[in-house]
Amino acid sequence: VLALDKQGRDQVPITGENARQFLELWKEKGLKSWATMQPNWLGAFATYTAVQALEGKDVPAFVKIPLPVIDNSNIDEYLARAKDFPADGYIYSPYDEELFKKLLAQK
């Protein structure tokens, strides 16, 4: 985005991520965009699942993890939490134990 701006060129489709700097630039420039991410809480979820199994609870062999999508309809929600992340940090979707329970319960 910045390279095209510096060259005085029109914006073209480019890749981006859920990095704070890109999301802020996206909002500032009024881009029409979307970004997805591998949730960074996958390790926490794996540990939670392992503990559940060790406690004798039934856990599925496979769990489908939906990839969160950031788009123009929800970018403000992600940017509202941006102050909690470093400038070069990745803004991830919120998670809690209830989400983990829901993921383990899906068939």
PDB file of N, CA and C in Angstrom:
ATOM      1  N   VAL A   1       0.831  -1.184   0.000  1.00  0.00           N
ATOM      2  CA  VAL A   1       0.000   0.000   0.000  1.00  0.00           C
ATOM      3  C   VAL A   1       0.877   1.249   0.000  1.00  0.00           C
ATOM      4  N   LEU A   2       1.843   1.292   0.906  1.00  0.00           N
ATOM      5  CA  LEU A   2       2.707   2.474   0.994  1.00  0.00           C
ATOM      6  C   LEU A   2       3.593   2.619  -0.232  1.00  0.00           C
ATOM      7  N   ALA A   3       4.085   1.507  -0.763  1.00  0.00           N
ATOM      8  CA  ALA A   3       4.940   1.573  -1.953  1.00  0.00           C
ATOM      9  C   ALA A   3       4.164   2.135  -3.137  1.00  0.00           C
ATOM     10  N   LEU A   4       2.920   1.716  -3.308  1.00  0.00           N
ATOM     11  CA  LEU A   4       2.103   2.248  -4.398  1.00  0.00           C
ATOM     12  C   LEU A   4       1.825   3.728  -4.184  1.00  0.00           C
ATOM     13  N   ASP A   5       1.541   4.115  -2.942  1.00  0.00           N
ATOM     14  CA  ASP A   5       1.323   5.529  -2.630  1.00  0.00           C
ATOM     15  C   ASP A   5       2.558   6.364  -2.972  1.00  0.00           C
ATOM     16  N   LYS A   6       3.730   5.884  -2.575  1.00  0.00           N
ATOM     17  CA  LYS A   6       4.965   6.634  -2.826  1.00  0.00           C
ATOM     18  C   LYS A   6       5.241   6.798  -4.309  1.00  0.00           C
ATOM     19  N   GLN A   7       4.810   5.842  -5.104  1.00  0.00           N
ATOM     20  CA  GLN A   7       5.010   5.906  -6.552  1.00  0.00           C
ATOM     21  C   GLN A   7       3.880   6.656  -7.254  1.00  0.00           C
ATOM     22  N   GLY A   8       2.875   7.088  -6.498  1.00  0.00           N
ATOM     23  CA  GLY A   8       1.750   7.799  -7.091  1.00  0.00           C
ATOM     24  C   GLY A   8       0.855   6.897  -7.927  1.00  0.00           C
ATOM     25  N   ARG A   9       0.883   5.626  -7.645  1.00  0.00           N
ATOM     26  CA  ARG A   9       0.087   4.662  -8.420  1.00  0.00           C
ATOM     27  C   ARG A   9      -1.228   4.352  -7.717  1.00  0.00           C
ATOM     28  N   ASP A  10      -2.178   3.898  -8.519  1.00  0.00           N
ATOM     29  CA  ASP A  10      -3.452   3.460  -7.963  1.00  0.00           C
ATOM     30  C   ASP A  10      -3.247   2.172  -7.175  1.00  0.00           C
ATOM     31  N   GLN A  11      -4.088   1.983  -6.184  1.00  0.00           N
ATOM     32  CA  GLN A  11      -4.033   0.741  -5.418  1.00  0.00           C
ATOM     33  C   GLN A  11      -4.531  -0.419  -6.277  1.00  0.00           C
ATOM     34  N   VAL A  12      -3.902  -1.537  -6.123  1.00  0.00           N
ATOM     35  CA  VAL A  12      -4.290  -2.774  -6.810  1.00  0.00           C
ATOM     36  C   VAL A  12      -4.495  -3.839  -5.736  1.00  0.00           C
ATOM     37  N   PRO A  13      -5.131  -4.942  -6.070  1.00  0.00           N
ATOM     38  CA  PRO A  13      -5.263  -6.011  -5.072  1.00  0.00           C
ATOM     39  C   PRO A  13      -3.888  -6.473  -4.584  1.00  0.00           C
ATOM     40  N   ILE A  14      -3.736  -6.511  -3.281  1.00  0.00           N
ATOM     41  CA  ILE A  14      -2.487  -6.963  -2.670  1.00  0.00           C
ATOM     42  C   ILE A  14      -2.823  -7.839  -1.467  1.00  0.00           C
ATOM     43  N   THR A  15      -1.822  -8.512  -0.971  1.00  0.00           N
ATOM     44  CA  THR A  15      -2.042  -9.326   0.225  1.00  0.00           C
ATOM     45  C   THR A  15      -1.812  -8.486   1.471  1.00  0.00           C
ATOM     46  N   GLY A  16      -2.413  -8.907   2.530  1.00  0.00           N
ATOM     47  CA  GLY A  16      -2.238  -8.270   3.822  1.00  0.00           C
ATOM     48  C   GLY A  16      -2.510  -9.296   4.900  1.00  0.00           C
ATOM     49  N   GLU A  17      -2.320  -8.912   6.132  1.00  0.00           N
ATOM     50  CA  GLU A  17      -2.530  -9.841   7.232  1.00  0.00           C
ATOM     51  C   GLU A  17      -3.256  -9.142   8.362  1.00  0.00           C
ATOM     52  N   ASN A  18      -3.347  -9.847   9.475  1.00  0.00           N
ATOM     53  CA  ASN A  18      -3.988  -9.272  10.646  1.00  0.00           C
ATOM     54  C   ASN A  18      -2.999  -8.526  11.538  1.00  0.00           C
ATOM     55  N   ALA A  19      -1.900  -8.072  10.948  1.00  0.00           N
ATOM     56  CA  ALA A  19      -0.923  -7.282  11.696  1.00  0.00           C
ATOM     57  C   ALA A  19      -1.509  -5.898  11.980  1.00  0.00           C
ATOM     58  N   ARG A  20      -1.251  -5.408  13.173  1.00  0.00           N
ATOM     59  CA  ARG A  20      -1.807  -4.115  13.590  1.00  0.00           C
ATOM     60  C   ARG A  20      -1.506  -3.011  12.580  1.00  0.00           C
ATOM     61  N   GLN A  21      -0.259  -2.920  12.116  1.00  0.00           N
ATOM     62  CA  GLN A  21       0.105  -1.842  11.192  1.00  0.00           C
ATOM     63  C   GLN A  21      -0.711  -1.901   9.906  1.00  0.00           C
ATOM     64  N   PHE A  22      -0.934  -3.111   9.378  1.00  0.00           N
ATOM     65  CA  PHE A  22      -1.731  -3.223   8.158  1.00  0.00           C
ATOM     66  C   PHE A  22      -3.181  -2.838   8.424  1.00  0.00           C
ATOM     67  N   LEU A  23      -3.738  -3.300   9.536  1.00  0.00           N
ATOM     68  CA  LEU A  23      -5.134  -2.975   9.829  1.00  0.00           C
ATOM     69  C   LEU A  23      -5.332  -1.473  10.002  1.00  0.00           C
ATOM     70  N   GLU A  24      -4.383  -0.815  10.659  1.00  0.00           N
ATOM     71  CA  GLU A  24      -4.483   0.637  10.826  1.00  0.00           C
ATOM     72  C   GLU A  24      -4.383   1.351   9.482  1.00  0.00           C
ATOM     73  N   LEU A  25      -3.481   0.890   8.627  1.00  0.00           N
ATOM     74  CA  LEU A  25      -3.337   1.477   7.296  1.00  0.00           C
ATOM     75  C   LEU A  25      -4.594   1.238   6.469  1.00  0.00           C
ATOM     76  N   TRP A  26      -5.143   0.072   6.548  1.00  0.00           N
ATOM     77  CA  TRP A  26      -6.376  -0.299   5.849  1.00  0.00           C
ATOM     78  C   TRP A  26      -7.484   0.679   6.217  1.00  0.00           C
ATOM     79  N   LYS A  27      -7.649   0.917   7.509  1.00  0.00           N
ATOM     80  CA  LYS A  27      -8.696   1.830   7.972  1.00  0.00           C
ATOM     81  C   LYS A  27      -8.402   3.263   7.533  1.00  0.00           C
ATOM     82  N   GLU A  28      -7.151   3.689   7.710  1.00  0.00           N
ATOM     83  CA  GLU A  28      -6.746   5.055   7.357  1.00  0.00           C
ATOM     84  C   GLU A  28      -6.969   5.347   5.876  1.00  0.00           C
ATOM     85  N   LYS A  29      -6.642   4.384   5.017  1.00  0.00           N
ATOM     86  CA  LYS A  29      -6.743   4.577   3.565  1.00  0.00           C
ATOM     87  C   LYS A  29      -8.131   4.251   3.026  1.00  0.00           C
ATOM     88  N   GLY A  30      -9.013   3.736   3.882  1.00  0.00           N
ATOM     89  CA  GLY A  30     -10.359   3.384   3.434  1.00  0.00           C
ATOM     90  C   GLY A  30     -10.368   2.240   2.431  1.00  0.00           C
ATOM     91  N   LEU A  31      -9.452   1.296   2.610  1.00  0.00           N
ATOM     92  CA  LEU A  31      -9.377   0.174   1.686  1.00  0.00           C
ATOM     93  C   LEU A  31     -10.573  -0.752   1.861  1.00  0.00           C
ATOM     94  N   LYS A  32     -10.927  -1.424   0.797  1.00  0.00           N
ATOM     95  CA  LYS A  32     -11.926  -2.489   0.865  1.00  0.00           C
ATOM     96  C   LYS A  32     -11.115  -3.772   0.910  1.00  0.00           C
ATOM     97  N   SER A  33     -11.147  -4.444   2.050  1.00  0.00           N
ATOM     98  CA  SER A  33     -10.225  -5.552   2.227  1.00  0.00           C
ATOM     99  C   SER A  33     -10.791  -6.609   3.151  1.00  0.00           C
ATOM    100  N   TRP A  34     -10.028  -7.674   3.315  1.00  0.00           N
ATOM    101  CA  TRP A  34     -10.310  -8.688   4.325  1.00  0.00           C
ATOM    102  C   TRP A  34      -9.004  -9.377   4.675  1.00  0.00           C
ATOM    103  N   ALA A  35      -8.963  -9.936   5.854  1.00  0.00           N
ATOM    104  CA  ALA A  35      -7.779 -10.661   6.315  1.00  0.00           C
ATOM    105  C   ALA A  35      -8.251 -11.842   7.150  1.00  0.00           C
ATOM    106  N   THR A  36      -7.503 -12.906   7.101  1.00  0.00           N
ATOM    107  CA  THR A  36      -7.797 -14.058   7.944  1.00  0.00           C
ATOM    108  C   THR A  36      -6.542 -14.420   8.707  1.00  0.00           C
ATOM    109  N   MET A  37      -6.672 -15.328   9.628  1.00  0.00           N
ATOM    110  CA  MET A  37      -5.523 -15.645  10.476  1.00  0.00           C
ATOM    111  C   MET A  37      -5.633 -17.061  11.014  1.00  0.00           C
ATOM    112  N   GLN A  38      -4.513 -17.637  11.328  1.00  0.00           N
ATOM    113  CA  GLN A  38      -4.491 -18.832  12.163  1.00  0.00           C
ATOM    114  C   GLN A  38      -4.550 -18.303  13.585  1.00  0.00           C
ATOM    115  N   PRO A  39      -5.561 -18.653  14.338  1.00  0.00           N
ATOM    116  CA  PRO A  39      -5.637 -18.127  15.701  1.00  0.00           C
ATOM    117  C   PRO A  39      -4.377 -18.458  16.500  1.00  0.00           C
ATOM    118  N   ASN A  40      -3.831 -17.468  17.175  1.00  0.00           N
ATOM    119  CA  ASN A  40      -2.606 -17.716  17.934  1.00  0.00           C
ATOM    120  C   ASN A  40      -2.883 -18.439  19.247  1.00  0.00           C
ATOM    121  N   TRP A  41      -4.136 -18.723  19.514  1.00  0.00           N
ATOM    122  CA  TRP A  41      -4.479 -19.458  20.726  1.00  0.00           C
ATOM    123  C   TRP A  41      -4.564 -20.962  20.488  1.00  0.00           C
ATOM    124  N   LEU A  42      -4.119 -21.446  19.340  1.00  0.00           N
ATOM    125  CA  LEU A  42      -4.186 -22.881  19.050  1.00  0.00           C
ATOM    126  C   LEU A  42      -3.401 -23.703  20.074  1.00  0.00           C
ATOM    127  N   GLY A  43      -2.249 -23.199  20.505  1.00  0.00           N
ATOM    128  CA  GLY A  43      -1.460 -23.909  21.515  1.00  0.00           C
ATOM    129  C   GLY A  43      -2.204 -24.015  22.835  1.00  0.00           C
ATOM    130  N   ALA A  44      -2.858 -22.933  23.234  1.00  0.00           N
ATOM    131  CA  ALA A  44      -3.643 -22.954  24.471  1.00  0.00           C
ATOM    132  C   ALA A  44      -4.802 -23.938  24.347  1.00  0.00           C
ATOM    133  N   PHE A  45      -5.420 -23.962  23.179  1.00  0.00           N
ATOM    134  CA  PHE A  45      -6.529 -24.897  22.963  1.00  0.00           C
ATOM    135  C   PHE A  45      -6.043 -26.345  23.000  1.00  0.00           C
ATOM    136  N   ALA A  46      -4.889 -26.610  22.402  1.00  0.00           N
ATOM    137  CA  ALA A  46      -4.326 -27.965  22.424  1.00  0.00           C
ATOM    138  C   ALA A  46      -4.033 -28.401  23.855  1.00  0.00           C
ATOM    139  N   THR A  47      -3.487 -27.497  24.655  1.00  0.00           N
ATOM    140  CA  THR A  47      -3.201 -27.815  26.055  1.00  0.00           C
ATOM    141  C   THR A  47      -4.490 -28.071  26.827  1.00  0.00           C
ATOM    142  N   TYR A  48      -5.479 -27.229  26.608  1.00  0.00           N
ATOM    143  CA  TYR A  48      -6.782 -27.405  27.259  1.00  0.00           C
ATOM    144  C   TYR A  48      -7.372 -28.769  26.901  1.00  0.00           C
ATOM    145  N   THR A  49      -7.304 -29.118  25.619  1.00  0.00           N
ATOM    146  CA  THR A  49      -7.840 -30.399  25.151  1.00  0.00           C
ATOM    147  C   THR A  49      -7.087 -31.567  25.784  1.00  0.00           C
ATOM    148  N   ALA A  50      -5.766 -31.457  25.861  1.00  0.00           N
ATOM    149  CA  ALA A  50      -4.959 -32.518  26.475  1.00  0.00           C
ATOM    150  C   ALA A  50      -5.327 -32.703  27.942  1.00  0.00           C
ATOM    151  N   VAL A  51      -5.526 -31.614  28.657  1.00  0.00           N
ATOM    152  CA  VAL A  51      -5.913 -31.706  30.071  1.00  0.00           C
ATOM    153  C   VAL A  51      -7.282 -32.378  30.198  1.00  0.00           C
ATOM    154  N   GLN A  52      -8.200 -32.010  29.306  1.00  0.00           N
ATOM    155  CA  GLN A  52      -9.522 -32.644  29.335  1.00  0.00           C
ATOM    156  C   GLN A  52      -9.393 -34.156  29.147  1.00  0.00           C
ATOM    157  N   ALA A  53      -8.558 -34.566  28.199  1.00  0.00           N
ATOM    158  CA  ALA A  53      -8.347 -35.998  27.940  1.00  0.00           C
ATOM    159  C   ALA A  53      -7.703 -36.681  29.146  1.00  0.00           C
ATOM    160  N   LEU A  54      -6.715 -36.032  29.753  1.00  0.00           N
ATOM    161  CA  LEU A  54      -6.049 -36.609  30.925  1.00  0.00           C
ATOM    162  C   LEU A  54      -6.998 -36.759  32.113  1.00  0.00           C
ATOM    163  N   GLU A  55      -7.995 -35.895  32.156  1.00  0.00           N
ATOM    164  CA  GLU A  55      -8.999 -35.976  33.223  1.00  0.00           C
ATOM    165  C   GLU A  55     -10.083 -37.004  32.903  1.00  0.00           C
ATOM    166  N   GLY A  56      -9.901 -37.734  31.790  1.00  0.00           N
ATOM    167  CA  GLY A  56     -10.840 -38.791  31.428  1.00  0.00           C
ATOM    168  C   GLY A  56     -12.053 -38.339  30.643  1.00  0.00           C
ATOM    169  N   LYS A  57     -12.064 -37.094  30.225  1.00  0.00           N
ATOM    170  CA  LYS A  57     -13.194 -36.596  29.443  1.00  0.00           C
ATOM    171  C   LYS A  57     -13.027 -37.014  27.987  1.00  0.00           C
ATOM    172  N   ASP A  58     -14.147 -37.205  27.317  1.00  0.00           N
ATOM    173  CA  ASP A  58     -14.133 -37.603  25.917  1.00  0.00           C
ATOM    174  C   ASP A  58     -13.810 -36.381  25.057  1.00  0.00           C
ATOM    175  N   VAL A  59     -12.756 -36.481  24.274  1.00  0.00           N
ATOM    176  CA  VAL A  59     -12.401 -35.391  23.360  1.00  0.00           C
ATOM    177  C   VAL A  59     -12.312 -35.961  21.949  1.00  0.00           C
ATOM    178  N   PRO A  60     -12.719 -35.190  20.959  1.00  0.00           N
ATOM    179  CA  PRO A  60     -12.670 -35.684  19.583  1.00  0.00           C
ATOM    180  C   PRO A  60     -11.233 -35.816  19.084  1.00  0.00           C
ATOM    181  N   ALA A  61     -11.042 -36.720  18.141  1.00  0.00           N
ATOM    182  CA  ALA A  61      -9.720 -36.907  17.532  1.00  0.00           C
ATOM    183  C   ALA A  61      -9.386 -35.753  16.599  1.00  0.00           C
ATOM    184  N   PHE A  62     -10.409 -35.088  16.067  1.00  0.00           N
ATOM    185  CA  PHE A  62     -10.222 -33.969  15.146  1.00  0.00           C
ATOM    186  C   PHE A  62     -11.156 -32.849  15.566  1.00  0.00           C
ATOM    187  N   VAL A  63     -10.641 -31.650  15.599  1.00  0.00           N
ATOM    188  CA  VAL A  63     -11.454 -30.476  15.917  1.00  0.00           C
ATOM    189  C   VAL A  63     -11.263 -29.458  14.802  1.00  0.00           C
ATOM    190  N   LYS A  64     -12.364 -29.068  14.182  1.00  0.00           N
ATOM    191  CA  LYS A  64     -12.314 -28.049  13.131  1.00  0.00           C
ATOM    192  C   LYS A  64     -12.265 -26.671  13.796  1.00  0.00           C
ATOM    193  N   ILE A  65     -11.212 -25.931  13.488  1.00  0.00           N
ATOM    194  CA  ILE A  65     -11.048 -24.583  14.037  1.00  0.00           C
ATOM    195  C   ILE A  65     -11.405 -23.579  12.942  1.00  0.00           C
ATOM    196  N   PRO A  66     -12.466 -22.804  13.133  1.00  0.00           N
ATOM    197  CA  PRO A  66     -12.811 -21.806  12.120  1.00  0.00           C
ATOM    198  C   PRO A  66     -11.770 -20.689  12.094  1.00  0.00           C
ATOM    199  N   LEU A  67     -11.426 -20.257  10.902  1.00  0.00           N
ATOM    200  CA  LEU A  67     -10.482 -19.151  10.765  1.00  0.00           C
ATOM    201  C   LEU A  67     -11.246 -17.836  10.853  1.00  0.00           C
ATOM    202  N   PRO A  68     -10.924 -17.009  11.821  1.00  0.00           N
ATOM    203  CA  PRO A  68     -11.587 -15.710  11.917  1.00  0.00           C
ATOM    204  C   PRO A  68     -11.275 -14.853  10.687  1.00  0.00           C
ATOM    205  N   VAL A  69     -12.259 -14.091  10.268  1.00  0.00           N
ATOM    206  CA  VAL A  69     -12.092 -13.202   9.119  1.00  0.00           C
ATOM    207  C   VAL A  69     -12.329 -11.770   9.574  1.00  0.00           C
ATOM    208  N   ILE A  70     -11.396 -10.909   9.225  1.00  0.00           N
ATOM    209  CA  ILE A  70     -11.543  -9.473   9.466  1.00  0.00           C
ATOM    210  C   ILE A  70     -11.911  -8.860   8.124  1.00  0.00           C
ATOM    211  N   ASP A  71     -12.966  -8.060   8.109  1.00  0.00           N
ATOM    212  CA  ASP A  71     -13.338  -7.355   6.886  1.00  0.00           C
ATOM    213  C   ASP A  71     -13.838  -5.962   7.261  1.00  0.00           C
ATOM    214  N   ASN A  72     -14.354  -5.253   6.285  1.00  0.00           N
ATOM    215  CA  ASN A  72     -14.774  -3.879   6.554  1.00  0.00           C
ATOM    216  C   ASN A  72     -15.929  -3.797   7.552  1.00  0.00           C
ATOM    217  N   SER A  73     -16.669  -4.895   7.707  1.00  0.00           N
ATOM    218  CA  SER A  73     -17.793  -4.863   8.646  1.00  0.00           C
ATOM    219  C   SER A  73     -17.357  -5.010  10.105  1.00  0.00           C
ATOM    220  N   ASN A  74     -16.157  -5.556  10.352  1.00  0.00           N
ATOM    221  CA  ASN A  74     -15.747  -5.763  11.742  1.00  0.00           C
ATOM    222  C   ASN A  74     -14.340  -5.250  12.059  1.00  0.00           C
ATOM    223  N   ILE A  75     -13.736  -4.513  11.132  1.00  0.00           N
ATOM    224  CA  ILE A  75     -12.371  -4.030  11.377  1.00  0.00           C
ATOM    225  C   ILE A  75     -12.309  -3.133  12.613  1.00  0.00           C
ATOM    226  N   ASP A  76     -13.345  -2.343  12.848  1.00  0.00           N
ATOM    227  CA  ASP A  76     -13.335  -1.455  14.016  1.00  0.00           C
ATOM    228  C   ASP A  76     -13.257  -2.250  15.320  1.00  0.00           C
ATOM    229  N   GLU A  77     -13.911  -3.405  15.357  1.00  0.00           N
ATOM    230  CA  GLU A  77     -13.866  -4.266  16.544  1.00  0.00           C
ATOM    231  C   GLU A  77     -12.431  -4.712  16.825  1.00  0.00           C
ATOM    232  N   TYR A  78     -11.697  -5.074  15.771  1.00  0.00           N
ATOM    233  CA  TYR A  78     -10.308  -5.501  15.954  1.00  0.00           C
ATOM    234  C   TYR A  78      -9.408  -4.316  16.299  1.00  0.00           C
ATOM    235  N   LEU A  79      -9.631  -3.184  15.651  1.00  0.00           N
ATOM    236  CA  LEU A  79      -8.800  -2.014  15.938  1.00  0.00           C
ATOM    237  C   LEU A  79      -9.051  -1.464  17.339  1.00  0.00           C
ATOM    238  N   ALA A  80     -10.240  -1.672  17.873  1.00  0.00           N
ATOM    239  CA  ALA A  80     -10.535  -1.204  19.231  1.00  0.00           C
ATOM    240  C   ALA A  80      -9.619  -1.878  20.249  1.00  0.00           C
ATOM    241  N   ARG A  81      -9.169  -3.083  19.928  1.00  0.00           N
ATOM    242  CA  ARG A  81      -8.258  -3.791  20.825  1.00  0.00           C
ATOM    243  C   ARG A  81      -6.799  -3.549  20.470  1.00  0.00           C
ATOM    244  N   ALA A  82      -6.522  -2.784  19.427  1.00  0.00           N
ATOM    245  CA  ALA A  82      -5.151  -2.599  18.931  1.00  0.00           C
ATOM    246  C   ALA A  82      -4.221  -2.010  19.984  1.00  0.00           C
ATOM    247  N   LYS A  83      -4.740  -1.208  20.874  1.00  0.00           N
ATOM    248  CA  LYS A  83      -3.889  -0.591  21.902  1.00  0.00           C
ATOM    249  C   LYS A  83      -3.227  -1.641  22.789  1.00  0.00           C
ATOM    250  N   ASP A  84      -3.786  -2.838  22.814  1.00  0.00           N
ATOM    251  CA  ASP A  84      -3.240  -3.921  23.636  1.00  0.00           C
ATOM    252  C   ASP A  84      -2.140  -4.709  22.927  1.00  0.00           C
ATOM    253  N   PHE A  85      -1.822  -4.334  21.709  1.00  0.00           N
ATOM    254  CA  PHE A  85      -0.855  -5.070  20.906  1.00  0.00           C
ATOM    255  C   PHE A  85       0.296  -4.164  20.492  1.00  0.00           C
ATOM    256  N   PRO A  86       1.499  -4.712  20.331  1.00  0.00           N
ATOM    257  CA  PRO A  86       2.599  -3.897  19.813  1.00  0.00           C
ATOM    258  C   PRO A  86       2.299  -3.473  18.374  1.00  0.00           C
ATOM    259  N   ALA A  87       2.966  -2.424  17.916  1.00  0.00           N
ATOM    260  CA  ALA A  87       2.723  -1.904  16.568  1.00  0.00           C
ATOM    261  C   ALA A  87       2.902  -2.976  15.502  1.00  0.00           C
ATOM    262  N   ASP A  88       3.857  -3.877  15.714  1.00  0.00           N
ATOM    263  CA  ASP A  88       4.072  -4.929  14.716  1.00  0.00           C
ATOM    264  C   ASP A  88       3.428  -6.252  15.146  1.00  0.00           C
ATOM    265  N   GLY A  89       2.501  -6.177  16.097  1.00  0.00           N
ATOM    266  CA  GLY A  89       1.842  -7.385  16.587  1.00  0.00           C
ATOM    267  C   GLY A  89       0.649  -7.775  15.738  1.00  0.00           C
ATOM    268  N   TYR A  90       0.260  -9.018  15.886  1.00  0.00           N
ATOM    269  CA  TYR A  90      -0.894  -9.545  15.168  1.00  0.00           C
ATOM    270  C   TYR A  90      -2.109  -9.495  16.079  1.00  0.00           C
ATOM    271  N   ILE A  91      -3.174  -8.894  15.582  1.00  0.00           N
ATOM    272  CA  ILE A  91      -4.399  -8.778  16.352  1.00  0.00           C
ATOM    273  C   ILE A  91      -5.216 -10.038  16.095  1.00  0.00           C
ATOM    274  N   TYR A  92      -5.431 -10.806  17.140  1.00  0.00           N
ATOM    275  CA  TYR A  92      -6.128 -12.077  16.990  1.00  0.00           C
ATOM    276  C   TYR A  92      -7.542 -11.995  17.534  1.00  0.00           C
ATOM    277  N   SER A  93      -8.310 -13.009  17.215  1.00  0.00           N
ATOM    278  CA  SER A  93      -9.689 -13.054  17.670  1.00  0.00           C
ATOM    279  C   SER A  93      -9.742 -13.378  19.162  1.00  0.00           C
ATOM    280  N   PRO A  94     -10.754 -12.882  19.847  1.00  0.00           N
ATOM    281  CA  PRO A  94     -10.871 -13.166  21.273  1.00  0.00           C
ATOM    282  C   PRO A  94     -11.179 -14.644  21.516  1.00  0.00           C
ATOM    283  N   TYR A  95     -10.772 -15.146  22.667  1.00  0.00           N
ATOM    284  CA  TYR A  95     -11.055 -16.537  23.024  1.00  0.00           C
ATOM    285  C   TYR A  95     -11.212 -16.651  24.535  1.00  0.00           C
ATOM    286  N   ASP A  96     -11.897 -17.688  24.938  1.00  0.00           N
ATOM    287  CA  ASP A  96     -12.054 -17.986  26.357  1.00  0.00           C
ATOM    288  C   ASP A  96     -12.391 -19.468  26.504  1.00  0.00           C
ATOM    289  N   GLU A  97     -12.564 -19.904  27.728  1.00  0.00           N
ATOM    290  CA  GLU A  97     -12.841 -21.321  27.972  1.00  0.00           C
ATOM    291  C   GLU A  97     -14.157 -21.749  27.331  1.00  0.00           C
ATOM    292  N   GLU A  98     -15.127 -20.860  27.276  1.00  0.00           N
ATOM    293  CA  GLU A  98     -16.409 -21.205  26.648  1.00  0.00           C
ATOM    294  C   GLU A  98     -16.227 -21.543  25.170  1.00  0.00           C
ATOM    295  N   LEU A  99     -15.375 -20.797  24.482  1.00  0.00           N
ATOM    296  CA  LEU A  99     -15.088 -21.108  23.078  1.00  0.00           C
ATOM    297  C   LEU A  99     -14.457 -22.489  22.972  1.00  0.00           C
ATOM    298  N   PHE A 100     -13.508 -22.776  23.858  1.00  0.00           N
ATOM    299  CA  PHE A 100     -12.845 -24.082  23.829  1.00  0.00           C
ATOM    300  C   PHE A 100     -13.858 -25.206  24.055  1.00  0.00           C
ATOM    301  N   LYS A 101     -14.767 -25.023  24.994  1.00  0.00           N
ATOM    302  CA  LYS A 101     -15.801 -26.035  25.247  1.00  0.00           C
ATOM    303  C   LYS A 101     -16.686 -26.225  24.020  1.00  0.00           C
ATOM    304  N   LYS A 102     -17.048 -25.123  23.388  1.00  0.00           N
ATOM    305  CA  LYS A 102     -17.895 -25.186  22.191  1.00  0.00           C
ATOM    306  C   LYS A 102     -17.178 -25.932  21.064  1.00  0.00           C
ATOM    307  N   LEU A 103     -15.897 -25.656  20.881  1.00  0.00           N
ATOM    308  CA  LEU A 103     -15.134 -26.329  19.827  1.00  0.00           C
ATOM    309  C   LEU A 103     -15.042 -27.832  20.088  1.00  0.00           C
ATOM    310  N   LEU A 104     -14.861 -28.218  21.340  1.00  0.00           N
ATOM    311  CA  LEU A 104     -14.772 -29.641  21.674  1.00  0.00           C
ATOM    312  C   LEU A 104     -16.118 -30.347  21.551  1.00  0.00           C
ATOM    313  N   ALA A 105     -17.208 -29.603  21.670  1.00  0.00           N
ATOM    314  CA  ALA A 105     -18.544 -30.199  21.618  1.00  0.00           C
ATOM    315  C   ALA A 105     -19.069 -30.376  20.198  1.00  0.00           C
ATOM    316  N   GLN A 106     -18.433 -29.745  19.216  1.00  0.00           N
ATOM    317  CA  GLN A 106     -18.967 -29.842  17.851  1.00  0.00           C
ATOM    318  C   GLN A 106     -18.832 -31.261  17.308  1.00  0.00           C
ATOM    319  N   LYS A 107     -19.788 -31.652  16.518  1.00  0.00           N
ATOM    320  CA  LYS A 107     -19.808 -33.006  15.930  1.00  0.00           C
ATOM    321  C   LYS A 107     -19.436 -32.954  14.473  1.00  0.00           C
TER     322      LYS A 107
END
